[in-house]
Amino acid sequence: MVNGVEGKAWVKNATAKRVALLASIPPEFLIPADIFPAESELDVIKFPKESKWFTAEELDITSTSASALLEKIATGVWTAEEVTTAFCKRAAAAHQLTNCLSDAFFHEAIESAKALDDHLRIMGKTVGPLHGLPISLKDNFNIIGKDSTVGFTSWVDDPATYNSTLVDLLREAGAVLYVKSNVPTAMMMAETVNNVFGRTLNPLNRALTSGGSSGGESALIAFGGSPLGVGTDIGGSLRIPAACTGIFTLRPSFGRFPTLRARSGLAGQEAVNSVNGPMGKTLDDIELFSRVIVGLEPWLHDPKCLPIPWRSVQPKARLKLGVLWHDGMVTPTPPVQRALRETVEKLKEAGHEIVDWHPTLHSHALNILGRMFLADGGKSVRNILEPTEEPFRPEMEAYSDAQELNVHAMWQLQMERTELLKKFLDQWTSHDGLDAILCPTTPYSSVEHGKFKHIGYTGVFNIVDYSAVSFPCGITVDENIDVVTSTHAPLSDLDKEIQSEYDKHAVHGMPVSLQLVARRLEEEKVLQMARTILQAL
């Protein structure tokens, strides 16, 4: 701790919470000291297999997709208890190596799994479509009796008295909830760090960020500690962490999945709606979650959910894709440029039509997004920090300095946003028959801690509320190829800074992700198109 702050309430709360979290891990799930990786060992992805600490069955279970797990549980190959126990152990290991959790309730989860096994044995059928599947949740989803600190020390030991609507639906479907994952303060940063739990590390390379704000989820899933997780996205908080760790996610339009009764650091801010979505290792698992949740008719439980059943979409043999090579503000770093270029070439070879998407409106859209986030002058965040005298983290300087908009100014800003939506739609329809935009998810593969500086590639699509999938495209960073050229002409001062900070050695071997964006409420279509693109790759 910083000198002179040890006695502060925020420090005491944070220390007590971290101690309690570690104490919640059963002794049998603590990594033995003689095999614990040294801090200098950056890649811990292979630890479960190479350490010999996990049994062959535990490795088999935790390496199986969510879709396949459901089948094996339903047919009795594995019990829900066996599956849950294996993922609890691997999640515990993930936390010890990456600091990815905010809560763990393993004993309760295993008891729930036993009850599901009893039901299947006695009744001869599963409870629901997610019977026995462990699902991890981002910290802001409320579970009765559990904290949702959202990275604030004043919300430590403030357990929820009600469940988020999604929590009730997941349990109704037979899912087993066992952990909650770490987030940045207020969930408003692209890296996962806060004063309660500290920083979450990327299991592929612990010197790099796992992204944010769903960075605890991305680290957990990439490590194999969860077969399927749920995060949220208001400016890229699903897609950025998915890209930093090489997993899949879907950012849906507002209204497809229930968001009711989740906790927020900007509660009541609805100019830009937060959405939640699945994170996983396969596109099939992302579609599984989406189909199941919509099939539970969430509009009967959440008044803001739209009554749109899951729709069947016929795959198109030939897609028309607009390619966003850069967003007019920041050039993608060299490996992302190469990934986009090589992906486009493969799509052309597969017969798909490619046109350029010009970022005419992107800087304006990102400007509107930032002004909406800061419209309350930072009061929401400040009011949550004050009870424990917790300081603003340096990453949140914009919130500490923000000026509040009056009601009239906010109305004018929303009119400005509506006009931008119309212009964006007009640009889309000007490309006759355009199916989707293909673009970077972020300028980075991942980046060293503290250096993530641009959310323009994701945040723009929050403003227009378009459906988007982030997917690993099969390309990894090669330090021998992916270099900044001397001819690079920066698009901005920020672009110049990001390119100068790019370290090809630091990110060597990291996976690169791209983003596919469809129009609003086209979740089924964007998933099907992503499948088509993966086939071409």
Protein backbone atom coordinates (compact mmCIF):
# COMPACT_ATOMS: atom_id res chain seq x y z
CA MET A 1 0.00 0.00 0.00
CA VAL A 2 1.02 3.63 -0.55
CA ASN A 3 2.61 5.21 2.53
CA GLY A 4 0.14 6.99 4.75
CA VAL A 5 -3.04 5.27 3.55
CA GLU A 6 -2.89 2.00 5.51
CA GLY A 7 -5.44 3.23 8.05
CA LYS A 8 -7.95 4.52 5.53
CA ALA A 9 -11.34 2.83 5.39
CA TRP A 10 -10.99 2.02 1.70
CA VAL A 11 -7.70 0.21 2.31
CA LYS A 12 -9.12 -1.76 5.23
CA ASN A 13 -12.15 -2.81 3.19
CA ALA A 14 -10.01 -3.85 0.24
CA THR A 15 -7.59 -5.84 2.38
CA ALA A 16 -10.38 -7.66 4.21
CA LYS A 17 -12.15 -8.51 0.95
CA ARG A 18 -9.04 -9.96 -0.67
CA VAL A 19 -8.31 -12.04 2.42
CA ALA A 20 -11.89 -13.34 2.48
CA LEU A 21 -11.78 -14.24 -1.21
CA LEU A 22 -8.61 -16.27 -0.82
CA ALA A 23 -10.02 -17.93 2.31
CA SER A 24 -13.08 -19.04 0.32
CA ILE A 25 -10.89 -21.33 -1.78
CA PRO A 26 -10.84 -24.82 -0.19
CA PRO A 27 -7.37 -26.15 0.76
CA GLU A 28 -7.62 -28.89 -1.85
CA PHE A 29 -7.95 -26.23 -4.56
CA LEU A 30 -4.84 -24.30 -3.49
CA ILE A 31 -1.87 -24.84 -5.83
CA PRO A 32 0.92 -26.64 -3.95
CA ALA A 33 3.89 -24.38 -3.29
CA ASP A 34 6.36 -26.72 -4.99
CA ILE A 35 4.60 -26.43 -8.37
CA PHE A 36 3.41 -22.82 -8.13
CA PRO A 37 4.67 -20.93 -11.20
CA ALA A 38 7.18 -18.16 -10.56
CA GLU A 39 6.11 -14.58 -11.31
CA SER A 40 8.57 -14.58 -14.19
CA GLU A 41 6.64 -17.41 -15.86
CA LEU A 42 4.33 -15.32 -18.02
CA ASP A 43 2.41 -17.97 -20.00
CA VAL A 44 0.35 -20.05 -17.55
CA ILE A 45 -2.14 -21.50 -20.04
CA LYS A 46 -0.35 -24.85 -20.05
CA PHE A 47 -0.08 -25.05 -16.26
CA PRO A 48 -3.13 -27.32 -15.72
CA LYS A 49 -1.74 -29.97 -18.07
CA GLU A 50 1.98 -29.66 -17.40
CA SER A 51 1.76 -29.37 -13.60
CA LYS A 52 0.28 -32.89 -13.22
CA TRP A 53 -1.89 -31.40 -10.45
CA PHE A 54 -5.08 -32.05 -12.40
CA THR A 55 -6.32 -35.58 -13.04
CA ALA A 56 -6.84 -36.81 -16.59
CA GLU A 57 -10.61 -36.63 -16.10
CA GLU A 58 -10.44 -33.07 -14.72
CA LEU A 59 -8.41 -32.01 -17.75
CA ASP A 60 -10.85 -33.78 -20.07
CA ILE A 61 -13.87 -32.11 -18.47
CA THR A 62 -12.39 -28.62 -18.41
CA SER A 63 -11.23 -28.92 -22.03
CA THR A 64 -14.71 -29.81 -23.30
CA SER A 65 -17.01 -27.25 -24.92
CA ALA A 66 -20.18 -26.15 -23.16
CA SER A 67 -22.35 -27.77 -25.81
CA ALA A 68 -20.57 -31.12 -25.43
CA LEU A 69 -20.65 -30.90 -21.62
CA LEU A 70 -24.43 -30.60 -21.65
CA GLU A 71 -24.73 -33.75 -23.75
CA LYS A 72 -22.35 -35.72 -21.54
CA ILE A 73 -24.16 -34.66 -18.37
CA ALA A 74 -27.59 -35.43 -19.82
CA THR A 75 -26.48 -38.90 -20.96
CA GLY A 76 -24.71 -39.75 -17.71
CA VAL A 77 -21.14 -39.81 -19.03
CA TRP A 78 -20.28 -37.26 -16.35
CA THR A 79 -22.34 -36.07 -13.41
CA ALA A 80 -23.04 -32.41 -12.81
CA GLU A 81 -21.09 -32.77 -9.57
CA GLU A 82 -18.00 -34.06 -11.38
CA VAL A 83 -18.16 -31.28 -13.95
CA THR A 84 -18.75 -28.55 -11.39
CA THR A 85 -15.97 -29.77 -9.10
CA ALA A 86 -13.48 -29.86 -11.99
CA PHE A 87 -14.31 -26.30 -13.03
CA CYS A 88 -14.21 -25.06 -9.43
CA LYS A 89 -10.66 -26.42 -9.11
CA ARG A 90 -9.56 -24.91 -12.43
CA ALA A 91 -11.23 -21.56 -11.61
CA ALA A 92 -9.42 -21.53 -8.27
CA ALA A 93 -6.12 -22.10 -10.08
CA ALA A 94 -6.98 -19.37 -12.59
CA HIS A 95 -7.53 -16.89 -9.77
CA GLN A 96 -4.30 -17.77 -7.99
CA LEU A 97 -2.37 -17.20 -11.23
CA THR A 98 -4.24 -14.25 -12.78
CA ASN A 99 -6.34 -12.61 -10.02
CA CYS A 100 -9.50 -13.02 -12.10
CA LEU A 101 -12.24 -13.62 -9.49
CA SER A 102 -14.23 -11.35 -7.22
CA ASP A 103 -16.21 -14.09 -5.48
CA ALA A 104 -16.17 -17.88 -5.24
CA PHE A 105 -18.86 -20.09 -3.76
CA PHE A 106 -17.64 -23.53 -4.65
CA HIS A 107 -19.34 -25.49 -1.87
CA GLU A 108 -22.76 -24.04 -2.74
CA ALA A 109 -22.19 -24.78 -6.41
CA ILE A 110 -21.26 -28.41 -5.78
CA GLU A 111 -24.35 -28.86 -3.61
CA SER A 112 -26.48 -27.40 -6.41
CA ALA A 113 -24.88 -29.80 -8.86
CA LYS A 114 -25.65 -32.76 -6.57
CA ALA A 115 -29.30 -31.68 -6.47
CA LEU A 116 -29.38 -31.59 -10.26
CA ASP A 117 -27.91 -35.10 -10.40
CA ASP A 118 -30.59 -36.30 -7.98
CA HIS A 119 -33.29 -34.77 -10.16
CA LEU A 120 -31.96 -36.44 -13.30
CA ARG A 121 -31.66 -39.80 -11.56
CA ILE A 122 -35.14 -39.69 -10.02
CA MET A 123 -37.13 -37.93 -12.75
CA GLY A 124 -35.22 -39.30 -15.73
CA LYS A 125 -34.94 -35.87 -17.37
CA THR A 126 -32.92 -32.71 -17.08
CA VAL A 127 -34.09 -29.59 -15.28
CA GLY A 128 -33.60 -27.39 -18.33
CA PRO A 129 -31.47 -26.71 -21.38
CA LEU A 130 -28.39 -25.74 -19.29
CA HIS A 131 -28.70 -28.64 -16.83
CA GLY A 132 -25.49 -28.98 -14.82
CA LEU A 133 -23.44 -26.49 -16.83
CA PRO A 134 -21.18 -24.25 -14.71
CA ILE A 135 -21.54 -20.65 -15.85
CA SER A 136 -19.37 -17.80 -14.56
CA LEU A 137 -20.70 -14.29 -14.13
CA LYS A 138 -19.18 -10.84 -14.25
CA ASP A 139 -19.11 -9.20 -10.82
CA ASN A 140 -22.03 -6.82 -11.44
CA PHE A 141 -24.65 -9.58 -11.70
CA ASN A 142 -26.46 -9.66 -8.36
CA ILE A 143 -26.80 -12.93 -6.49
CA ILE A 144 -28.63 -12.86 -3.17
CA GLY A 145 -26.14 -12.87 -0.31
CA LYS A 146 -23.13 -12.07 -2.52
CA ASP A 147 -21.32 -8.77 -2.96
CA SER A 148 -21.35 -6.94 -6.27
CA THR A 149 -18.58 -4.46 -5.49
CA VAL A 150 -18.01 -3.40 -9.12
CA GLY A 151 -14.51 -2.51 -7.91
CA PHE A 152 -15.66 -0.02 -5.22
CA THR A 153 -14.43 -0.43 -1.66
CA SER A 154 -17.62 1.13 -0.26
CA TRP A 155 -19.61 -1.79 -1.73
CA VAL A 156 -17.57 -4.40 0.14
CA ASP A 157 -19.75 -6.38 2.57
CA ASP A 158 -22.90 -5.03 0.93
CA PRO A 159 -24.51 -8.29 -0.23
CA ALA A 160 -27.33 -8.24 -2.75
CA THR A 161 -30.87 -8.73 -1.46
CA TYR A 162 -32.23 -9.75 -4.86
CA ASN A 163 -31.02 -11.59 -7.94
CA SER A 164 -30.40 -10.11 -11.35
CA THR A 165 -33.09 -11.30 -13.73
CA LEU A 166 -30.49 -13.20 -15.76
CA VAL A 167 -29.39 -15.09 -12.64
CA ASP A 168 -32.92 -16.36 -12.07
CA LEU A 169 -33.27 -17.39 -15.71
CA LEU A 170 -29.93 -19.24 -15.73
CA ARG A 171 -30.89 -21.20 -12.62
CA GLU A 172 -34.30 -21.94 -14.11
CA ALA A 173 -32.48 -23.40 -17.12
CA GLY A 174 -30.38 -25.65 -14.85
CA ALA A 175 -27.08 -23.75 -14.87
CA VAL A 176 -24.70 -23.98 -11.90
CA LEU A 177 -23.34 -20.62 -10.74
CA TYR A 178 -20.00 -20.89 -8.94
CA VAL A 179 -17.87 -17.73 -9.36
CA LYS A 180 -18.06 -14.04 -10.11
CA SER A 181 -15.23 -12.33 -11.96
CA ASN A 182 -13.20 -9.18 -11.51
CA VAL A 183 -13.93 -5.84 -13.21
CA PRO A 184 -12.34 -2.37 -13.28
CA THR A 185 -13.70 0.35 -11.02
CA ALA A 186 -17.25 1.22 -12.15
CA MET A 187 -16.71 -1.10 -15.17
CA MET A 188 -15.67 1.93 -17.20
CA MET A 189 -12.10 1.07 -18.22
CA ALA A 190 -10.62 -1.11 -20.94
CA GLU A 191 -8.32 -2.87 -18.47
CA THR A 192 -9.41 -4.77 -15.37
CA VAL A 193 -7.96 -3.12 -12.28
CA ASN A 194 -9.53 -1.66 -9.15
CA ASN A 195 -8.67 -0.76 -5.56
CA VAL A 196 -10.50 -3.77 -4.09
CA PHE A 197 -8.97 -6.76 -5.84
CA GLY A 198 -6.16 -5.22 -7.86
CA ARG A 199 -5.26 -6.09 -11.45
CA THR A 200 -6.32 -9.12 -13.47
CA LEU A 201 -3.58 -10.63 -15.65
CA ASN A 202 -3.76 -12.28 -19.06
CA PRO A 203 -3.09 -16.04 -18.69
CA LEU A 204 -1.53 -16.13 -22.17
CA ASN A 205 1.05 -13.61 -20.99
CA ARG A 206 0.77 -12.18 -17.52
CA ALA A 207 2.68 -9.06 -18.53
CA LEU A 208 -0.27 -8.15 -20.76
CA THR A 209 -3.83 -7.02 -20.04
CA SER A 210 -6.82 -9.32 -20.25
CA GLY A 211 -8.85 -6.27 -21.28
CA GLY A 212 -11.90 -4.77 -19.64
CA SER A 213 -14.32 -4.38 -18.30
CA SER A 214 -15.14 -8.11 -18.52
CA GLY A 215 -11.44 -8.91 -18.08
CA GLY A 216 -11.94 -11.30 -15.18
CA GLU A 217 -14.25 -13.35 -17.37
CA SER A 218 -11.88 -13.37 -20.33
CA ALA A 219 -8.92 -14.47 -18.20
CA LEU A 220 -10.97 -17.18 -16.50
CA ILE A 221 -12.35 -18.58 -19.75
CA ALA A 222 -9.03 -18.44 -21.61
CA PHE A 223 -7.40 -20.38 -18.76
CA GLY A 224 -10.13 -23.02 -18.92
CA GLY A 225 -11.70 -22.15 -15.59
CA SER A 226 -15.14 -21.64 -17.13
CA PRO A 227 -16.87 -23.29 -20.09
CA LEU A 228 -19.15 -20.28 -20.62
CA GLY A 229 -19.33 -16.87 -19.01
CA VAL A 230 -21.46 -13.76 -19.10
CA GLY A 231 -20.09 -10.23 -19.33
CA THR A 232 -21.45 -6.81 -20.20
CA ASP A 233 -20.64 -4.19 -22.83
CA ILE A 234 -21.24 -0.43 -22.85
CA GLY A 235 -18.19 0.66 -24.84
CA GLY A 236 -16.50 -2.60 -25.74
CA SER A 237 -16.43 -4.41 -22.41
CA LEU A 238 -17.23 -7.80 -23.93
CA ARG A 239 -15.30 -7.49 -27.17
CA ILE A 240 -12.09 -5.89 -25.89
CA PRO A 241 -11.33 -8.59 -23.28
CA ALA A 242 -12.38 -11.34 -25.67
CA ALA A 243 -9.91 -9.99 -28.22
CA CYS A 244 -7.11 -9.65 -25.66
CA THR A 245 -7.39 -13.35 -24.76
CA GLY A 246 -8.40 -14.88 -28.09
CA ILE A 247 -11.94 -16.05 -27.24
CA PHE A 248 -15.39 -15.45 -28.77
CA THR A 249 -18.15 -13.09 -27.71
CA LEU A 250 -21.39 -11.56 -28.94
CA ARG A 251 -22.33 -7.95 -28.26
CA PRO A 252 -26.12 -7.96 -28.77
CA SER A 253 -28.34 -4.99 -29.38
CA PHE A 254 -30.16 -3.70 -26.34
CA GLY A 255 -33.32 -5.68 -25.59
CA ARG A 256 -32.31 -9.15 -26.77
CA PHE A 257 -30.94 -10.36 -23.40
CA PRO A 258 -32.19 -9.29 -19.95
CA THR A 259 -30.24 -6.59 -18.11
CA LEU A 260 -32.65 -5.93 -15.23
CA ARG A 261 -31.35 -5.68 -11.65
CA ALA A 262 -27.64 -5.81 -12.40
CA ARG A 263 -25.45 -3.35 -10.51
CA SER A 264 -23.79 -0.41 -12.22
CA GLY A 265 -21.31 2.32 -11.43
CA LEU A 266 -23.35 4.66 -13.63
CA ALA A 267 -26.83 3.59 -12.53
CA GLY A 268 -29.58 5.40 -14.44
CA GLN A 269 -27.33 6.31 -17.37
CA GLU A 270 -29.43 5.16 -20.33
CA ALA A 271 -28.24 7.41 -23.14
CA VAL A 272 -25.90 4.53 -24.00
CA ASN A 273 -27.39 1.25 -22.85
CA SER A 274 -25.25 -1.48 -21.34
CA VAL A 275 -25.92 -4.94 -22.72
CA ASN A 276 -24.82 -8.37 -21.56
CA GLY A 277 -23.64 -11.28 -23.64
CA PRO A 278 -21.86 -14.63 -23.61
CA MET A 279 -18.11 -15.25 -23.69
CA GLY A 280 -16.65 -18.63 -24.63
CA LYS A 281 -14.07 -20.61 -26.53
CA THR A 282 -16.29 -21.59 -29.46
CA LEU A 283 -18.86 -19.88 -31.64
CA ASP A 284 -21.22 -22.81 -31.03
CA ASP A 285 -21.19 -22.05 -27.30
CA ILE A 286 -21.98 -18.39 -27.95
CA GLU A 287 -24.97 -19.38 -30.08
CA LEU A 288 -26.04 -21.98 -27.50
CA PHE A 289 -26.27 -19.33 -24.78
CA SER A 290 -28.07 -16.88 -27.04
CA ARG A 291 -30.63 -19.41 -28.23
CA VAL A 292 -31.34 -20.65 -24.69
CA ILE A 293 -31.70 -17.22 -23.08
CA VAL A 294 -34.01 -15.89 -25.78
CA GLY A 295 -35.93 -19.18 -25.65
CA LEU A 296 -36.71 -18.52 -21.98
CA GLU A 297 -38.79 -15.51 -23.10
CA PRO A 298 -36.94 -12.91 -21.01
CA TRP A 299 -39.44 -10.24 -22.10
CA LEU A 300 -41.84 -11.78 -19.58
CA HIS A 301 -39.36 -10.92 -16.80
CA ASP A 302 -37.54 -7.80 -17.97
CA PRO A 303 -39.77 -4.97 -19.24
CA LYS A 304 -37.01 -3.68 -21.50
CA CYS A 305 -36.50 -6.97 -23.30
CA LEU A 306 -37.99 -7.19 -26.78
CA PRO A 307 -40.41 -10.06 -27.56
CA ILE A 308 -38.33 -11.40 -30.43
CA PRO A 309 -37.96 -15.21 -30.47
CA TRP A 310 -34.71 -16.70 -31.75
CA ARG A 311 -34.93 -16.70 -35.54
CA SER A 312 -33.61 -19.13 -38.12
CA VAL A 313 -31.20 -17.53 -40.62
CA GLN A 314 -30.24 -19.16 -43.87
CA PRO A 315 -26.51 -18.86 -44.59
CA LYS A 316 -25.57 -16.80 -47.62
CA ALA A 317 -23.06 -18.31 -50.00
CA ARG A 318 -21.73 -14.86 -50.90
CA LEU A 319 -21.49 -12.05 -48.36
CA LYS A 320 -21.03 -8.37 -49.09
CA LEU A 321 -18.68 -6.99 -46.44
CA GLY A 322 -17.53 -3.45 -45.79
CA VAL A 323 -13.96 -3.38 -44.48
CA LEU A 324 -12.92 -0.73 -41.97
CA TRP A 325 -9.15 -0.59 -42.39
CA HIS A 326 -8.81 2.09 -39.73
CA ASP A 327 -11.27 4.26 -37.79
CA GLY A 328 -9.77 7.63 -38.76
CA MET A 329 -8.35 8.09 -35.27
CA VAL A 330 -5.92 5.25 -34.55
CA THR A 331 -4.26 2.85 -36.97
CA PRO A 332 -4.33 -0.80 -35.86
CA THR A 333 -0.95 -2.07 -34.69
CA PRO A 334 0.95 -4.13 -37.28
CA PRO A 335 -0.33 -7.62 -36.35
CA VAL A 336 -3.94 -6.43 -36.47
CA GLN A 337 -3.35 -4.78 -39.83
CA ARG A 338 -1.89 -8.02 -41.16
CA ALA A 339 -4.72 -10.11 -39.74
CA LEU A 340 -7.32 -7.91 -41.40
CA ARG A 341 -5.45 -7.86 -44.69
CA GLU A 342 -4.94 -11.65 -44.82
CA THR A 343 -8.53 -12.33 -43.74
CA VAL A 344 -9.86 -10.09 -46.51
CA GLU A 345 -7.72 -11.91 -49.09
CA LYS A 346 -9.08 -15.28 -47.97
CA LEU A 347 -12.65 -13.97 -48.11
CA LYS A 348 -12.10 -12.70 -51.63
CA GLU A 349 -10.72 -16.10 -52.62
CA ALA A 350 -13.85 -17.71 -51.17
CA GLY A 351 -16.00 -15.53 -53.43
CA HIS A 352 -17.22 -12.89 -50.99
CA GLU A 353 -17.62 -9.28 -52.12
CA ILE A 354 -15.45 -6.70 -50.36
CA VAL A 355 -16.00 -2.94 -50.31
CA ASP A 356 -14.32 -0.23 -48.25
CA TRP A 357 -16.14 1.24 -45.24
CA HIS A 358 -15.02 4.81 -44.68
CA PRO A 359 -14.86 6.02 -41.05
CA THR A 360 -16.56 9.32 -41.86
CA LEU A 361 -18.72 9.29 -38.72
CA HIS A 362 -16.57 7.34 -36.28
CA SER A 363 -14.75 10.14 -34.47
CA HIS A 364 -18.02 12.01 -33.98
CA ALA A 365 -19.71 8.88 -32.63
CA LEU A 366 -16.88 8.26 -30.17
CA ASN A 367 -17.03 11.88 -29.05
CA ILE A 368 -20.74 11.56 -28.32
CA LEU A 369 -20.12 8.34 -26.38
CA GLY A 370 -17.56 10.03 -24.14
CA ARG A 371 -19.77 13.04 -23.47
CA MET A 372 -22.66 10.79 -22.50
CA PHE A 373 -20.53 8.79 -20.06
CA LEU A 374 -19.42 12.01 -18.34
CA ALA A 375 -22.75 13.83 -18.47
CA ASP A 376 -23.32 13.66 -14.71
CA GLY A 377 -20.00 15.37 -14.04
CA GLY A 378 -18.64 12.20 -12.46
CA LYS A 379 -21.12 12.43 -9.56
CA SER A 380 -22.19 8.78 -9.72
CA VAL A 381 -18.64 7.52 -9.31
CA ARG A 382 -17.67 10.22 -6.80
CA ASN A 383 -20.67 9.43 -4.59
CA ILE A 384 -19.71 5.77 -4.42
CA LEU A 385 -16.05 6.52 -3.67
CA GLU A 386 -16.71 9.06 -0.90
CA PRO A 387 -18.05 6.84 1.95
CA THR A 388 -14.64 5.15 2.32
CA GLU A 389 -12.62 8.14 1.07
CA GLU A 390 -11.42 6.01 -1.83
CA PRO A 391 -9.49 8.07 -4.37
CA PHE A 392 -10.18 8.15 -8.08
CA ARG A 393 -7.82 5.78 -9.82
CA PRO A 394 -5.54 7.53 -12.35
CA GLU A 395 -7.30 5.70 -15.18
CA MET A 396 -10.51 7.53 -14.22
CA GLU A 397 -9.12 11.04 -14.35
CA ALA A 398 -11.78 12.07 -16.88
CA TYR A 399 -14.52 11.31 -14.34
CA SER A 400 -12.85 13.34 -11.59
CA ASP A 401 -12.56 16.39 -13.87
CA ALA A 402 -15.90 16.12 -15.73
CA GLN A 403 -18.41 18.97 -15.89
CA GLU A 404 -22.09 18.11 -15.43
CA LEU A 405 -24.48 18.76 -18.32
CA ASN A 406 -27.79 20.40 -17.54
CA VAL A 407 -31.02 18.80 -18.75
CA HIS A 408 -31.31 20.99 -21.82
CA ALA A 409 -27.72 20.23 -22.86
CA MET A 410 -28.35 16.52 -22.42
CA TRP A 411 -31.43 16.69 -24.61
CA GLN A 412 -29.42 18.45 -27.28
CA LEU A 413 -26.75 15.75 -27.06
CA GLN A 414 -29.37 13.04 -27.53
CA MET A 415 -30.72 14.87 -30.58
CA GLU A 416 -27.17 14.97 -31.92
CA ARG A 417 -26.92 11.22 -31.34
CA THR A 418 -30.19 10.56 -33.20
CA GLU A 419 -28.98 12.53 -36.19
CA LEU A 420 -25.75 10.52 -36.19
CA LEU A 421 -27.75 7.26 -36.13
CA LYS A 422 -29.59 8.36 -39.24
CA LYS A 423 -26.36 9.26 -41.04
CA PHE A 424 -24.80 5.93 -40.08
CA LEU A 425 -27.83 4.06 -41.39
CA ASP A 426 -27.75 6.06 -44.60
CA GLN A 427 -24.08 5.22 -45.08
CA TRP A 428 -24.91 1.53 -44.60
CA THR A 429 -27.78 1.53 -47.08
CA SER A 430 -25.68 3.41 -49.62
CA HIS A 431 -23.72 0.16 -50.01
CA ASP A 432 -26.56 -1.73 -51.68
CA GLY A 433 -26.99 -5.14 -50.04
CA LEU A 434 -24.25 -4.69 -47.43
CA ASP A 435 -24.35 -7.57 -44.94
CA ALA A 436 -21.77 -6.55 -42.34
CA ILE A 437 -18.69 -4.53 -41.49
CA LEU A 438 -15.42 -6.39 -40.90
CA CYS A 439 -12.95 -4.49 -38.75
CA PRO A 440 -10.46 -4.73 -35.89
CA THR A 441 -11.91 -5.31 -32.44
CA THR A 442 -9.15 -3.15 -30.97
CA PRO A 443 -5.93 -1.63 -32.31
CA TYR A 444 -4.07 -4.31 -30.33
CA SER A 445 -3.72 -8.06 -30.06
CA SER A 446 -3.21 -7.30 -26.40
CA VAL A 447 -0.94 -4.72 -24.80
CA GLU A 448 1.17 -4.25 -21.68
CA HIS A 449 -0.65 -3.25 -18.50
CA GLY A 450 -1.60 0.41 -18.41
CA LYS A 451 -1.17 1.00 -22.14
CA PHE A 452 -4.67 0.33 -23.53
CA LYS A 453 -5.65 3.77 -24.87
CA HIS A 454 -8.33 3.54 -27.55
CA ILE A 455 -11.84 2.02 -27.58
CA GLY A 456 -12.93 3.58 -30.87
CA TYR A 457 -13.30 0.31 -32.74
CA THR A 458 -15.89 -0.98 -30.25
CA GLY A 459 -17.49 2.14 -28.73
CA VAL A 460 -18.83 3.40 -32.05
CA PHE A 461 -21.06 0.36 -32.34
CA ASN A 462 -22.44 0.92 -28.83
CA ILE A 463 -23.68 4.34 -29.91
CA VAL A 464 -25.47 2.90 -32.95
CA ASP A 465 -26.45 -0.26 -30.97
CA TYR A 466 -25.38 -2.72 -33.67
CA SER A 467 -24.86 -6.46 -33.13
CA ALA A 468 -21.22 -7.55 -33.18
CA VAL A 469 -19.12 -10.69 -32.81
CA SER A 470 -15.45 -10.63 -31.83
CA PHE A 471 -13.61 -13.74 -33.01
CA PRO A 472 -10.02 -15.01 -33.12
CA CYS A 473 -9.06 -15.11 -36.80
CA GLY A 474 -6.31 -17.72 -36.51
CA ILE A 475 -3.37 -15.34 -36.81
CA THR A 476 -0.81 -14.78 -34.06
CA VAL A 477 1.69 -11.97 -33.65
CA ASP A 478 5.05 -12.63 -35.29
CA GLU A 479 7.79 -10.29 -34.10
CA ASN A 480 9.73 -10.95 -37.30
CA ILE A 481 6.88 -9.73 -39.51
CA ASP A 482 4.71 -7.37 -37.48
CA VAL A 483 6.80 -4.21 -37.31
CA VAL A 484 5.90 -0.53 -37.53
CA THR A 485 7.15 0.83 -40.84
CA SER A 486 9.07 4.07 -41.16
CA THR A 487 6.49 5.25 -43.69
CA HIS A 488 3.59 5.13 -41.20
CA ALA A 489 1.69 8.43 -41.23
CA PRO A 490 -0.07 8.88 -37.89
CA LEU A 491 -3.79 9.68 -38.00
CA SER A 492 -3.54 11.63 -34.73
CA ASP A 493 -1.26 12.33 -31.78
CA LEU A 494 -2.83 9.34 -30.03
CA ASP A 495 -2.08 7.16 -33.04
CA LYS A 496 1.53 8.31 -32.98
CA GLU A 497 1.75 7.48 -29.28
CA ILE A 498 0.22 4.03 -29.67
CA GLN A 499 2.45 3.09 -32.59
CA SER A 500 5.55 4.31 -30.74
CA GLU A 501 4.62 2.19 -27.71
CA TYR A 502 3.99 -0.94 -29.77
CA ASP A 503 6.41 -3.63 -28.63
CA LYS A 504 6.56 -6.57 -31.05
CA HIS A 505 8.53 -8.65 -28.54
CA ALA A 506 6.02 -8.14 -25.73
CA VAL A 507 3.07 -9.43 -27.78
CA HIS A 508 4.87 -12.09 -29.83
CA GLY A 509 2.70 -15.20 -30.13
CA MET A 510 -0.53 -13.52 -29.00
CA PRO A 511 -3.72 -14.30 -30.94
CA VAL A 512 -5.33 -11.59 -33.05
CA SER A 513 -9.10 -11.06 -33.15
CA LEU A 514 -11.34 -9.23 -35.58
CA GLN A 515 -14.88 -7.93 -35.28
CA LEU A 516 -17.90 -8.55 -37.48
CA VAL A 517 -20.71 -6.01 -37.15
CA ALA A 518 -24.28 -6.36 -38.39
CA ARG A 519 -27.13 -3.92 -38.04
CA ARG A 520 -29.29 -3.51 -34.96
CA LEU A 521 -31.04 -6.64 -33.64
CA GLU A 522 -29.33 -8.93 -36.16
CA GLU A 523 -27.77 -11.28 -33.59
CA GLU A 524 -28.79 -14.43 -35.45
CA LYS A 525 -27.45 -13.07 -38.72
CA VAL A 526 -24.10 -11.88 -37.33
CA LEU A 527 -23.48 -15.27 -35.71
CA GLN A 528 -24.28 -17.06 -38.96
CA MET A 529 -22.02 -14.70 -40.93
CA ALA A 530 -19.21 -15.19 -38.43
CA ARG A 531 -19.53 -18.93 -39.01
CA THR A 532 -19.28 -18.36 -42.76
CA ILE A 533 -16.14 -16.26 -42.31
CA LEU A 534 -14.51 -18.86 -40.06
CA GLN A 535 -15.17 -21.48 -42.72
CA ALA A 536 -13.42 -19.28 -45.28
CA LEU A 537 -10.44 -18.95 -42.95
